[in-house]
Amino acid sequence: MRRKYRSQAAIVMDVLEAISAKPGIAPTRLSQEVNVPYSRLTEYLRLLMEKGLVYEEEKGGLHLSEEGFKYLIEMRRFRKIFSSLGLML
């Protein structure tokens, strides 16, 4: 049986969704939530932090920035549009 792979955009969206649902989530727990190896997740988190979409508190918990929330809303909108066309994001 072929394994279904997620696009990078889908992984980013899953990461943002998980952080939105569980503000303050630890990176190791997030890795389990989104089913991405920790080593790969850190690359995505670095990118999201550089873009100002995610930030980490001193205690280590991850949060979405205001810009991150806006980005997530737009990604949800795009997913809905793609879905109506029979495509996956």
Foldseek 3Di string as FASTA:
>chain_A
DDDDDDDPLVLLLQLLVVCAVPPQDALVVSCVSSVHDSVVVVVSVVVCVVVQQWDADPVRGIHGDPVVVVVSVVSVVVQVVQVVVVHGD
